[in-house]
Amino acid sequence: RGWFRQAPGKEREFVAAVNWGDGSTHYTDSAKGRFTVSRD
């Protein structure tokens, strides 16, 4: 499961995602260090 965002006039872009099974995470460069994706 993950998060995408869409700014006005732009395409929907990837932000972050988490592997539902093992909890490993992936981030776009602009989100690294500022955003944290997690799962319950």
PDB file of all heavy atoms in Angstrom:
ATOM      1  N   ARG A   1       0.859  -1.182   0.000  1.00  0.00           N
ATOM      2  CA  ARG A   1       0.000   0.000   0.000  1.00  0.00           C
ATOM      3  C   ARG A   1       0.889   1.223   0.000  1.00  0.00           C
ATOM      4  O   ARG A   1       2.000   1.197   0.551  1.00  0.00           O
ATOM      5  CB  ARG A   1      -0.923   0.019   1.212  1.00  0.00           C
ATOM      6  CG  ARG A   1      -1.964  -1.074   1.148  1.00  0.00           C
ATOM      7  CD  ARG A   1      -3.051  -0.910   2.158  1.00  0.00           C
ATOM      8  NE  ARG A   1      -3.811  -2.164   2.234  1.00  0.00           N
ATOM      9  CZ  ARG A   1      -4.416  -2.599   3.303  1.00  0.00           C
ATOM     10  NH1 ARG A   1      -4.384  -1.896   4.419  1.00  0.00           N
ATOM     11  NH2 ARG A   1      -5.066  -3.752   3.279  1.00  0.00           N
ATOM     12  N   GLY A   2       0.384   2.278  -0.618  1.00  0.00           N
ATOM     13  CA  GLY A   2       1.228   3.449  -0.718  1.00  0.00           C
ATOM     14  C   GLY A   2       0.447   4.725  -0.872  1.00  0.00           C
ATOM     15  O   GLY A   2      -0.793   4.728  -0.830  1.00  0.00           O
ATOM     16  N   TRP A   3       1.210   5.794  -1.036  1.00  0.00           N
ATOM     17  CA  TRP A   3       0.669   7.132  -1.184  1.00  0.00           C
ATOM     18  C   TRP A   3       1.190   7.762  -2.470  1.00  0.00           C
ATOM     19  O   TRP A   3       2.399   7.708  -2.756  1.00  0.00           O
ATOM     20  CB  TRP A   3       1.076   8.003   0.001  1.00  0.00           C
ATOM     21  CG  TRP A   3       0.498   7.563   1.305  1.00  0.00           C
ATOM     22  CD1 TRP A   3       1.081   6.756   2.233  1.00  0.00           C
ATOM     23  CD2 TRP A   3      -0.784   7.908   1.833  1.00  0.00           C
ATOM     24  NE1 TRP A   3       0.239   6.571   3.295  1.00  0.00           N
ATOM     25  CE2 TRP A   3      -0.922   7.278   3.076  1.00  0.00           C
ATOM     26  CE3 TRP A   3      -1.841   8.709   1.378  1.00  0.00           C
ATOM     27  CZ2 TRP A   3      -2.059   7.411   3.874  1.00  0.00           C
ATOM     28  CZ3 TRP A   3      -2.974   8.843   2.161  1.00  0.00           C
ATOM     29  CH2 TRP A   3      -3.070   8.195   3.390  1.00  0.00           C
ATOM     30  N   PHE A   4       0.262   8.362  -3.187  1.00  0.00           N
ATOM     31  CA  PHE A   4       0.576   9.163  -4.354  1.00  0.00           C
ATOM     32  C   PHE A   4      -0.018  10.547  -4.126  1.00  0.00           C
ATOM     33  O   PHE A   4      -0.928  10.714  -3.323  1.00  0.00           O
ATOM     34  CB  PHE A   4      -0.033   8.550  -5.622  1.00  0.00           C
ATOM     35  CG  PHE A   4       0.633   7.286  -6.079  1.00  0.00           C
ATOM     36  CD1 PHE A   4       0.477   6.102  -5.378  1.00  0.00           C
ATOM     37  CD2 PHE A   4       1.421   7.270  -7.221  1.00  0.00           C
ATOM     38  CE1 PHE A   4       1.097   4.929  -5.800  1.00  0.00           C
ATOM     39  CE2 PHE A   4       2.041   6.111  -7.655  1.00  0.00           C
ATOM     40  CZ  PHE A   4       1.872   4.940  -6.938  1.00  0.00           C
ATOM     41  N   ARG A   5       0.500  11.515  -4.835  1.00  0.00           N
ATOM     42  CA  ARG A   5      -0.109  12.844  -4.728  1.00  0.00           C
ATOM     43  C   ARG A   5      -0.214  13.461  -6.117  1.00  0.00           C
ATOM     44  O   ARG A   5       0.557  13.139  -7.027  1.00  0.00           O
ATOM     45  CB  ARG A   5       0.702  13.765  -3.823  1.00  0.00           C
ATOM     46  CG  ARG A   5       2.050  14.180  -4.368  1.00  0.00           C
ATOM     47  CD  ARG A   5       2.807  15.013  -3.363  1.00  0.00           C
ATOM     48  NE  ARG A   5       4.153  15.311  -3.825  1.00  0.00           N
ATOM     49  CZ  ARG A   5       5.160  15.649  -3.034  1.00  0.00           C
ATOM     50  NH1 ARG A   5       4.966  15.728  -1.715  1.00  0.00           N
ATOM     51  NH2 ARG A   5       6.331  15.922  -3.534  1.00  0.00           N
ATOM     52  N   GLN A   6      -1.192  14.359  -6.218  1.00  0.00           N
ATOM     53  CA  GLN A   6      -1.411  15.042  -7.485  1.00  0.00           C
ATOM     54  C   GLN A   6      -1.590  16.525  -7.228  1.00  0.00           C
ATOM     55  O   GLN A   6      -2.549  16.944  -6.569  1.00  0.00           O
ATOM     56  CB  GLN A   6      -2.638  14.478  -8.197  1.00  0.00           C
ATOM     57  CG  GLN A   6      -2.824  15.001  -9.603  1.00  0.00           C
ATOM     58  CD  GLN A   6      -3.806  14.168 -10.405  1.00  0.00           C
ATOM     59  OE1 GLN A   6      -4.583  13.392  -9.865  1.00  0.00           O
ATOM     60  NE2 GLN A   6      -3.768  14.318 -11.722  1.00  0.00           N
ATOM     61  N   ALA A   7      -0.647  17.303  -7.731  1.00  0.00           N
ATOM     62  CA  ALA A   7      -0.724  18.752  -7.628  1.00  0.00           C
ATOM     63  C   ALA A   7      -1.557  19.288  -8.790  1.00  0.00           C
ATOM     64  O   ALA A   7      -1.676  18.625  -9.832  1.00  0.00           O
ATOM     65  CB  ALA A   7       0.678  19.353  -7.661  1.00  0.00           C
ATOM     66  N   PRO A   8      -2.114  20.478  -8.635  1.00  0.00           N
ATOM     67  CA  PRO A   8      -2.925  21.046  -9.718  1.00  0.00           C
ATOM     68  C   PRO A   8      -2.149  21.112 -11.025  1.00  0.00           C
ATOM     69  O   PRO A   8      -1.021  21.608 -11.067  1.00  0.00           O
ATOM     70  CB  PRO A   8      -3.256  22.449  -9.194  1.00  0.00           C
ATOM     71  CG  PRO A   8      -3.190  22.330  -7.715  1.00  0.00           C
ATOM     72  CD  PRO A   8      -2.101  21.333  -7.438  1.00  0.00           C
ATOM     73  N   GLY A   9      -2.748  20.581 -12.083  1.00  0.00           N
ATOM     74  CA  GLY A   9      -2.131  20.633 -13.398  1.00  0.00           C
ATOM     75  C   GLY A   9      -0.999  19.653 -13.631  1.00  0.00           C
ATOM     76  O   GLY A   9      -0.340  19.703 -14.672  1.00  0.00           O
ATOM     77  N   LYS A  10      -0.773  18.759 -12.663  1.00  0.00           N
ATOM     78  CA  LYS A  10       0.334  17.799 -12.798  1.00  0.00           C
ATOM     79  C   LYS A  10      -0.185  16.376 -12.723  1.00  0.00           C
ATOM     80  O   LYS A  10      -1.300  16.126 -12.281  1.00  0.00           O
ATOM     81  CB  LYS A  10       1.370  18.039 -11.703  1.00  0.00           C
ATOM     82  CG  LYS A  10       2.075  19.379 -11.817  1.00  0.00           C
ATOM     83  CD  LYS A  10       3.218  19.485 -10.829  1.00  0.00           C
ATOM     84  CE  LYS A  10       3.972  20.787 -11.005  1.00  0.00           C
ATOM     85  NZ  LYS A  10       5.114  20.903 -10.046  1.00  0.00           N
ATOM     86  N   GLU A  11       0.663  15.444 -13.122  1.00  0.00           N
ATOM     87  CA  GLU A  11       0.296  14.042 -13.048  1.00  0.00           C
ATOM     88  C   GLU A  11       0.401  13.529 -11.618  1.00  0.00           C
ATOM     89  O   GLU A  11       1.147  14.079 -10.802  1.00  0.00           O
ATOM     90  CB  GLU A  11       1.206  13.218 -13.965  1.00  0.00           C
ATOM     91  CG  GLU A  11       0.970  13.490 -15.451  1.00  0.00           C
ATOM     92  CD  GLU A  11       1.700  12.492 -16.326  1.00  0.00           C
ATOM     93  OE1 GLU A  11       2.504  11.703 -15.796  1.00  0.00           O
ATOM     94  OE2 GLU A  11       1.473  12.513 -17.553  1.00  0.00           O
ATOM     95  N   ARG A  12      -0.326  12.461 -11.356  1.00  0.00           N
ATOM     96  CA  ARG A  12      -0.244  11.823 -10.054  1.00  0.00           C
ATOM     97  C   ARG A  12       1.118  11.158  -9.928  1.00  0.00           C
ATOM     98  O   ARG A  12       1.548  10.412 -10.806  1.00  0.00           O
ATOM     99  CB  ARG A  12      -1.366  10.788  -9.928  1.00  0.00           C
ATOM    100  CG  ARG A  12      -1.606  10.313  -8.529  1.00  0.00           C
ATOM    101  CD  ARG A  12      -2.850   9.440  -8.448  1.00  0.00           C
ATOM    102  NE  ARG A  12      -4.054  10.161  -8.864  1.00  0.00           N
ATOM    103  CZ  ARG A  12      -5.276   9.666  -8.757  1.00  0.00           C
ATOM    104  NH1 ARG A  12      -5.461   8.450  -8.256  1.00  0.00           N
ATOM    105  NH2 ARG A  12      -6.311  10.365  -9.159  1.00  0.00           N
ATOM    106  N   GLU A  13       1.808  11.423  -8.808  1.00  0.00           N
ATOM    107  CA  GLU A  13       3.164  10.914  -8.625  1.00  0.00           C
ATOM    108  C   GLU A  13       3.297  10.132  -7.323  1.00  0.00           C
ATOM    109  O   GLU A  13       2.604  10.395  -6.348  1.00  0.00           O
ATOM    110  CB  GLU A  13       4.168  12.075  -8.628  1.00  0.00           C
ATOM    111  CG  GLU A  13       3.987  13.058  -7.486  1.00  0.00           C
ATOM    112  CD  GLU A  13       5.024  14.166  -7.474  1.00  0.00           C
ATOM    113  OE1 GLU A  13       5.891  14.202  -8.363  1.00  0.00           O
ATOM    114  OE2 GLU A  13       4.983  14.986  -6.546  1.00  0.00           O
ATOM    115  N   PHE A  14       4.225   9.206  -7.356  1.00  0.00           N
ATOM    116  CA  PHE A  14       4.502   8.366  -6.194  1.00  0.00           C
ATOM    117  C   PHE A  14       5.138   9.184  -5.078  1.00  0.00           C
ATOM    118  O   PHE A  14       5.979  10.053  -5.330  1.00  0.00           O
ATOM    119  CB  PHE A  14       5.441   7.238  -6.619  1.00  0.00           C
ATOM    120  CG  PHE A  14       5.917   6.375  -5.493  1.00  0.00           C
ATOM    121  CD1 PHE A  14       5.151   5.327  -5.036  1.00  0.00           C
ATOM    122  CD2 PHE A  14       7.148   6.615  -4.896  1.00  0.00           C
ATOM    123  CE1 PHE A  14       5.590   4.522  -4.003  1.00  0.00           C
ATOM    124  CE2 PHE A  14       7.607   5.820  -3.865  1.00  0.00           C
ATOM    125  CZ  PHE A  14       6.823   4.767  -3.419  1.00  0.00           C
ATOM    126  N   VAL A  15       4.736   8.891  -3.836  1.00  0.00           N
ATOM    127  CA  VAL A  15       5.343   9.518  -2.667  1.00  0.00           C
ATOM    128  C   VAL A  15       6.064   8.478  -1.810  1.00  0.00           C
ATOM    129  O   VAL A  15       7.257   8.593  -1.533  1.00  0.00           O
ATOM    130  CB  VAL A  15       4.293  10.259  -1.821  1.00  0.00           C
ATOM    131  CG1 VAL A  15       4.937  10.849  -0.568  1.00  0.00           C
ATOM    132  CG2 VAL A  15       3.608  11.350  -2.639  1.00  0.00           C
ATOM    133  N   ALA A  16       5.329   7.451  -1.382  1.00  0.00           N
ATOM    134  CA  ALA A  16       5.900   6.449  -0.488  1.00  0.00           C
ATOM    135  C   ALA A  16       5.018   5.216  -0.504  1.00  0.00           C
ATOM    136  O   ALA A  16       3.826   5.303  -0.807  1.00  0.00           O
ATOM    137  CB  ALA A  16       6.009   7.000   0.935  1.00  0.00           C
ATOM    138  N   ALA A  17       5.611   4.069  -0.152  1.00  0.00           N
ATOM    139  CA  ALA A  17       4.843   2.828  -0.087  1.00  0.00           C
ATOM    140  C   ALA A  17       5.475   1.882   0.914  1.00  0.00           C
ATOM    141  O   ALA A  17       6.672   1.991   1.224  1.00  0.00           O
ATOM    142  CB  ALA A  17       4.747   2.174  -1.464  1.00  0.00           C
ATOM    143  N   VAL A  18       4.667   0.944   1.379  1.00  0.00           N
ATOM    144  CA  VAL A  18       5.119  -0.035   2.355  1.00  0.00           C
ATOM    145  C   VAL A  18       4.709  -1.428   1.895  1.00  0.00           C
ATOM    146  O   VAL A  18       3.600  -1.639   1.415  1.00  0.00           O
ATOM    147  CB  VAL A  18       4.550   0.282   3.760  1.00  0.00           C
ATOM    148  CG1 VAL A  18       3.036   0.324   3.763  1.00  0.00           C
ATOM    149  CG2 VAL A  18       5.054  -0.698   4.804  1.00  0.00           C
ATOM    150  N   ASN A  19       5.640  -2.366   2.022  1.00  0.00           N
ATOM    151  CA  ASN A  19       5.352  -3.770   1.767  1.00  0.00           C
ATOM    152  C   ASN A  19       4.474  -4.270   2.909  1.00  0.00           C
ATOM    153  O   ASN A  19       4.888  -4.245   4.064  1.00  0.00           O
ATOM    154  CB  ASN A  19       6.665  -4.549   1.703  1.00  0.00           C
ATOM    155  CG  ASN A  19       6.457  -6.022   1.379  1.00  0.00           C
ATOM    156  OD1 ASN A  19       5.656  -6.687   2.000  1.00  0.00           O
ATOM    157  ND2 ASN A  19       7.201  -6.504   0.408  1.00  0.00           N
ATOM    158  N   TRP A  20       3.234  -4.696   2.555  1.00  0.00           N
ATOM    159  CA  TRP A  20       2.294  -5.040   3.604  1.00  0.00           C
ATOM    160  C   TRP A  20       2.772  -6.216   4.446  1.00  0.00           C
ATOM    161  O   TRP A  20       2.493  -6.288   5.630  1.00  0.00           O
ATOM    162  CB  TRP A  20       0.929  -5.358   2.987  1.00  0.00           C
ATOM    163  CG  TRP A  20      -0.145  -5.494   3.993  1.00  0.00           C
ATOM    164  CD1 TRP A  20      -0.817  -6.623   4.345  1.00  0.00           C
ATOM    165  CD2 TRP A  20      -0.666  -4.445   4.831  1.00  0.00           C
ATOM    166  NE1 TRP A  20      -1.720  -6.351   5.333  1.00  0.00           N
ATOM    167  CE2 TRP A  20      -1.647  -5.037   5.650  1.00  0.00           C
ATOM    168  CE3 TRP A  20      -0.380  -3.091   4.957  1.00  0.00           C
ATOM    169  CZ2 TRP A  20      -2.363  -4.294   6.584  1.00  0.00           C
ATOM    170  CZ3 TRP A  20      -1.091  -2.369   5.893  1.00  0.00           C
ATOM    171  CH2 TRP A  20      -2.065  -2.962   6.687  1.00  0.00           C
ATOM    172  N   GLY A  21       3.512  -7.120   3.850  1.00  0.00           N
ATOM    173  CA  GLY A  21       3.955  -8.307   4.563  1.00  0.00           C
ATOM    174  C   GLY A  21       5.108  -8.062   5.506  1.00  0.00           C
ATOM    175  O   GLY A  21       5.023  -8.394   6.692  1.00  0.00           O
ATOM    176  N   ASP A  22       6.212  -7.468   4.994  1.00  0.00           N
ATOM    177  CA  ASP A  22       7.402  -7.338   5.829  1.00  0.00           C
ATOM    178  C   ASP A  22       7.670  -5.925   6.328  1.00  0.00           C
ATOM    179  O   ASP A  22       8.627  -5.709   7.077  1.00  0.00           O
ATOM    180  CB  ASP A  22       8.640  -7.878   5.095  1.00  0.00           C
ATOM    181  CG  ASP A  22       9.017  -7.049   3.873  1.00  0.00           C
ATOM    182  OD1 ASP A  22       8.536  -5.900   3.725  1.00  0.00           O
ATOM    183  OD2 ASP A  22       9.815  -7.546   3.054  1.00  0.00           O
ATOM    184  N   GLY A  23       6.826  -4.954   5.896  1.00  0.00           N
ATOM    185  CA  GLY A  23       6.967  -3.600   6.412  1.00  0.00           C
ATOM    186  C   GLY A  23       8.069  -2.776   5.784  1.00  0.00           C
ATOM    187  O   GLY A  23       8.300  -1.639   6.218  1.00  0.00           O
ATOM    188  N   SER A  24       8.765  -3.317   4.792  1.00  0.00           N
ATOM    189  CA  SER A  24       9.808  -2.524   4.152  1.00  0.00           C
ATOM    190  C   SER A  24       9.190  -1.360   3.385  1.00  0.00           C
ATOM    191  O   SER A  24       8.041  -1.442   2.953  1.00  0.00           O
ATOM    192  CB  SER A  24      10.641  -3.394   3.205  1.00  0.00           C
ATOM    193  OG  SER A  24       9.805  -3.990   2.225  1.00  0.00           O
ATOM    194  N   THR A  25       9.948  -0.295   3.258  1.00  0.00           N
ATOM    195  CA  THR A  25       9.393   0.947   2.726  1.00  0.00           C
ATOM    196  C   THR A  25      10.167   1.475   1.516  1.00  0.00           C
ATOM    197  O   THR A  25      11.339   1.147   1.311  1.00  0.00           O
ATOM    198  CB  THR A  25       9.371   2.029   3.819  1.00  0.00           C
ATOM    199  OG1 THR A  25      10.693   2.201   4.331  1.00  0.00           O
ATOM    200  CG2 THR A  25       8.435   1.641   4.947  1.00  0.00           C
ATOM    201  N   HIS A  26       9.486   2.307   0.746  1.00  0.00           N
ATOM    202  CA  HIS A  26      10.060   2.931  -0.440  1.00  0.00           C
ATOM    203  C   HIS A  26       9.600   4.382  -0.485  1.00  0.00           C
ATOM    204  O   HIS A  26       8.443   4.670  -0.157  1.00  0.00           O
ATOM    205  CB  HIS A  26       9.593   2.207  -1.711  1.00  0.00           C
ATOM    206  CG  HIS A  26       9.944   0.751  -1.722  1.00  0.00           C
ATOM    207  ND1 HIS A  26      11.034   0.262  -2.402  1.00  0.00           N
ATOM    208  CD2 HIS A  26       9.364  -0.310  -1.119  1.00  0.00           C
ATOM    209  CE1 HIS A  26      11.095  -1.045  -2.222  1.00  0.00           C
ATOM    210  NE2 HIS A  26      10.100  -1.421  -1.458  1.00  0.00           N
ATOM    211  N   TYR A  27      10.504   5.275  -0.905  1.00  0.00           N
ATOM    212  CA  TYR A  27      10.185   6.694  -0.932  1.00  0.00           C
ATOM    213  C   TYR A  27      10.674   7.346  -2.217  1.00  0.00           C
ATOM    214  O   TYR A  27      11.715   6.953  -2.765  1.00  0.00           O
ATOM    215  CB  TYR A  27      10.860   7.422   0.239  1.00  0.00           C
ATOM    216  CG  TYR A  27      10.384   6.994   1.600  1.00  0.00           C
ATOM    217  CD1 TYR A  27      11.044   5.999   2.305  1.00  0.00           C
ATOM    218  CD2 TYR A  27       9.274   7.605   2.200  1.00  0.00           C
ATOM    219  CE1 TYR A  27      10.607   5.602   3.553  1.00  0.00           C
ATOM    220  CE2 TYR A  27       8.830   7.220   3.454  1.00  0.00           C
ATOM    221  CZ  TYR A  27       9.504   6.215   4.120  1.00  0.00           C
ATOM    222  OH  TYR A  27       9.072   5.830   5.367  1.00  0.00           O
ATOM    223  N   THR A  28       9.968   8.382  -2.633  1.00  0.00           N
ATOM    224  CA  THR A  28      10.520   9.228  -3.677  1.00  0.00           C
ATOM    225  C   THR A  28      11.594  10.102  -3.039  1.00  0.00           C
ATOM    226  O   THR A  28      11.596  10.308  -1.813  1.00  0.00           O
ATOM    227  CB  THR A  28       9.413  10.086  -4.314  1.00  0.00           C
ATOM    228  OG1 THR A  28       9.930  10.720  -5.482  1.00  0.00           O
ATOM    229  CG2 THR A  28       8.900  11.136  -3.357  1.00  0.00           C
ATOM    230  N   ASP A  29      12.502  10.606  -3.832  1.00  0.00           N
ATOM    231  CA  ASP A  29      13.632  11.360  -3.280  1.00  0.00           C
ATOM    232  C   ASP A  29      13.181  12.558  -2.453  1.00  0.00           C
ATOM    233  O   ASP A  29      13.766  12.865  -1.406  1.00  0.00           O
ATOM    234  CB  ASP A  29      14.545  11.835  -4.408  1.00  0.00           C
ATOM    235  CG  ASP A  29      15.382  10.712  -4.986  1.00  0.00           C
ATOM    236  OD1 ASP A  29      15.458   9.640  -4.351  1.00  0.00           O
ATOM    237  OD2 ASP A  29      15.960  10.902  -6.069  1.00  0.00           O
ATOM    238  N   SER A  30      12.124  13.248  -2.890  1.00  0.00           N
ATOM    239  CA  SER A  30      11.687  14.457  -2.178  1.00  0.00           C
ATOM    240  C   SER A  30      11.082  14.145  -0.817  1.00  0.00           C
ATOM    241  O   SER A  30      10.971  15.032   0.032  1.00  0.00           O
ATOM    242  CB  SER A  30      10.702  15.244  -3.034  1.00  0.00           C
ATOM    243  OG  SER A  30       9.517  14.501  -3.242  1.00  0.00           O
ATOM    244  N   ALA A  31      10.681  12.900  -0.592  1.00  0.00           N
ATOM    245  CA  ALA A  31      10.066  12.509   0.677  1.00  0.00           C
ATOM    246  C   ALA A  31      11.077  11.948   1.671  1.00  0.00           C
ATOM    247  O   ALA A  31      10.808  11.950   2.879  1.00  0.00           O
ATOM    248  CB  ALA A  31       8.967  11.484   0.424  1.00  0.00           C
ATOM    249  N   LYS A  32      12.200  11.481   1.183  1.00  0.00           N
ATOM    250  CA  LYS A  32      13.185  10.866   2.066  1.00  0.00           C
ATOM    251  C   LYS A  32      13.653  11.858   3.122  1.00  0.00           C
ATOM    252  O   LYS A  32      14.000  13.001   2.807  1.00  0.00           O
ATOM    253  CB  LYS A  32      14.381  10.363   1.256  1.00  0.00           C
ATOM    254  CG  LYS A  32      14.077   9.148   0.403  1.00  0.00           C
ATOM    255  CD  LYS A  32      15.286   8.734  -0.437  1.00  0.00           C
ATOM    256  CE  LYS A  32      14.942   7.573  -1.336  1.00  0.00           C
ATOM    257  NZ  LYS A  32      16.069   7.240  -2.247  1.00  0.00           N
ATOM    258  N   GLY A  33      13.665  11.405   4.368  1.00  0.00           N
ATOM    259  CA  GLY A  33      14.124  12.247   5.463  1.00  0.00           C
ATOM    260  C   GLY A  33      13.057  13.142   6.049  1.00  0.00           C
ATOM    261  O   GLY A  33      13.242  13.717   7.125  1.00  0.00           O
ATOM    262  N   ARG A  34      11.945  13.315   5.356  1.00  0.00           N
ATOM    263  CA  ARG A  34      10.861  14.158   5.870  1.00  0.00           C
ATOM    264  C   ARG A  34       9.589  13.360   6.132  1.00  0.00           C
ATOM    265  O   ARG A  34       8.843  13.666   7.073  1.00  0.00           O
ATOM    266  CB  ARG A  34      10.545  15.277   4.865  1.00  0.00           C
ATOM    267  CG  ARG A  34      11.687  16.244   4.617  1.00  0.00           C
ATOM    268  CD  ARG A  34      11.216  17.443   3.797  1.00  0.00           C
ATOM    269  NE  ARG A  34      10.666  17.040   2.502  1.00  0.00           N
ATOM    270  CZ  ARG A  34       9.493  17.450   2.042  1.00  0.00           C
ATOM    271  NH1 ARG A  34       8.724  18.244   2.764  1.00  0.00           N
ATOM    272  NH2 ARG A  34       9.078  17.060   0.850  1.00  0.00           N
ATOM    273  N   PHE A  35       9.297  12.382   5.290  1.00  0.00           N
ATOM    274  CA  PHE A  35       8.061  11.604   5.401  1.00  0.00           C
ATOM    275  C   PHE A  35       8.374  10.196   5.884  1.00  0.00           C
ATOM    276  O   PHE A  35       9.438   9.640   5.553  1.00  0.00           O
ATOM    277  CB  PHE A  35       7.362  11.506   4.042  1.00  0.00           C
ATOM    278  CG  PHE A  35       6.857  12.811   3.478  1.00  0.00           C
ATOM    279  CD1 PHE A  35       7.044  14.021   4.125  1.00  0.00           C
ATOM    280  CD2 PHE A  35       6.170  12.819   2.273  1.00  0.00           C
ATOM    281  CE1 PHE A  35       6.575  15.212   3.603  1.00  0.00           C
ATOM    282  CE2 PHE A  35       5.680  14.005   1.732  1.00  0.00           C
ATOM    283  CZ  PHE A  35       5.897  15.188   2.397  1.00  0.00           C
ATOM    284  N   THR A  36       7.434   9.622   6.612  1.00  0.00           N
ATOM    285  CA  THR A  36       7.556   8.239   7.056  1.00  0.00           C
ATOM    286  C   THR A  36       6.242   7.517   6.800  1.00  0.00           C
ATOM    287  O   THR A  36       5.191   7.962   7.282  1.00  0.00           O
ATOM    288  CB  THR A  36       7.895   8.162   8.554  1.00  0.00           C
ATOM    289  OG1 THR A  36       9.098   8.879   8.819  1.00  0.00           O
ATOM    290  CG2 THR A  36       8.068   6.710   8.980  1.00  0.00           C
ATOM    291  N   VAL A  37       6.339   6.430   6.039  1.00  0.00           N
ATOM    292  CA  VAL A  37       5.159   5.600   5.800  1.00  0.00           C
ATOM    293  C   VAL A  37       5.233   4.400   6.742  1.00  0.00           C
ATOM    294  O   VAL A  37       6.324   3.842   6.962  1.00  0.00           O
ATOM    295  CB  VAL A  37       5.067   5.159   4.320  1.00  0.00           C
ATOM    296  CG1 VAL A  37       6.260   4.332   3.891  1.00  0.00           C
ATOM    297  CG2 VAL A  37       3.755   4.437   4.059  1.00  0.00           C
ATOM    298  N   SER A  38       4.108   4.037   7.311  1.00  0.00           N
ATOM    299  CA  SER A  38       4.078   2.908   8.243  1.00  0.00           C
ATOM    300  C   SER A  38       2.751   2.183   8.101  1.00  0.00           C
ATOM    301  O   SER A  38       1.807   2.685   7.480  1.00  0.00           O
ATOM    302  CB  SER A  38       4.282   3.388   9.670  1.00  0.00           C
ATOM    303  OG  SER A  38       3.251   4.287  10.050  1.00  0.00           O
ATOM    304  N   ARG A  39       2.703   1.003   8.699  1.00  0.00           N
ATOM    305  CA  ARG A  39       1.472   0.224   8.619  1.00  0.00           C
ATOM    306  C   ARG A  39       1.102  -0.289   9.991  1.00  0.00           C
ATOM    307  O   ARG A  39       1.970  -0.557  10.823  1.00  0.00           O
ATOM    308  CB  ARG A  39       1.627  -0.961   7.665  1.00  0.00           C
ATOM    309  CG  ARG A  39       2.355  -2.153   8.248  1.00  0.00           C
ATOM    310  CD  ARG A  39       2.786  -3.120   7.235  1.00  0.00           C
ATOM    311  NE  ARG A  39       3.205  -4.427   7.644  1.00  0.00           N
ATOM    312  CZ  ARG A  39       4.144  -4.773   8.508  1.00  0.00           C
ATOM    313  NH1 ARG A  39       4.762  -3.856   9.200  1.00  0.00           N
ATOM    314  NH2 ARG A  39       4.458  -6.046   8.723  1.00  0.00           N
ATOM    315  N   ASP A  40      -0.202  -0.409  10.214  1.00  0.00           N
ATOM    316  CA  ASP A  40      -0.714  -1.103  11.393  1.00  0.00           C
ATOM    317  C   ASP A  40      -1.432  -2.325  10.844  1.00  0.00           C
ATOM    318  O   ASP A  40      -2.544  -2.229  10.336  1.00  0.00           O
ATOM    319  CB  ASP A  40      -1.659  -0.205  12.185  1.00  0.00           C
ATOM    320  CG  ASP A  40      -2.110  -0.859  13.481  1.00  0.00           C
ATOM    321  OD1 ASP A  40      -2.317  -2.092  13.502  1.00  0.00           O
ATOM    322  OD2 ASP A  40      -2.255  -0.136  14.481  1.00  0.00           O
TER     323      ASP A  40
END
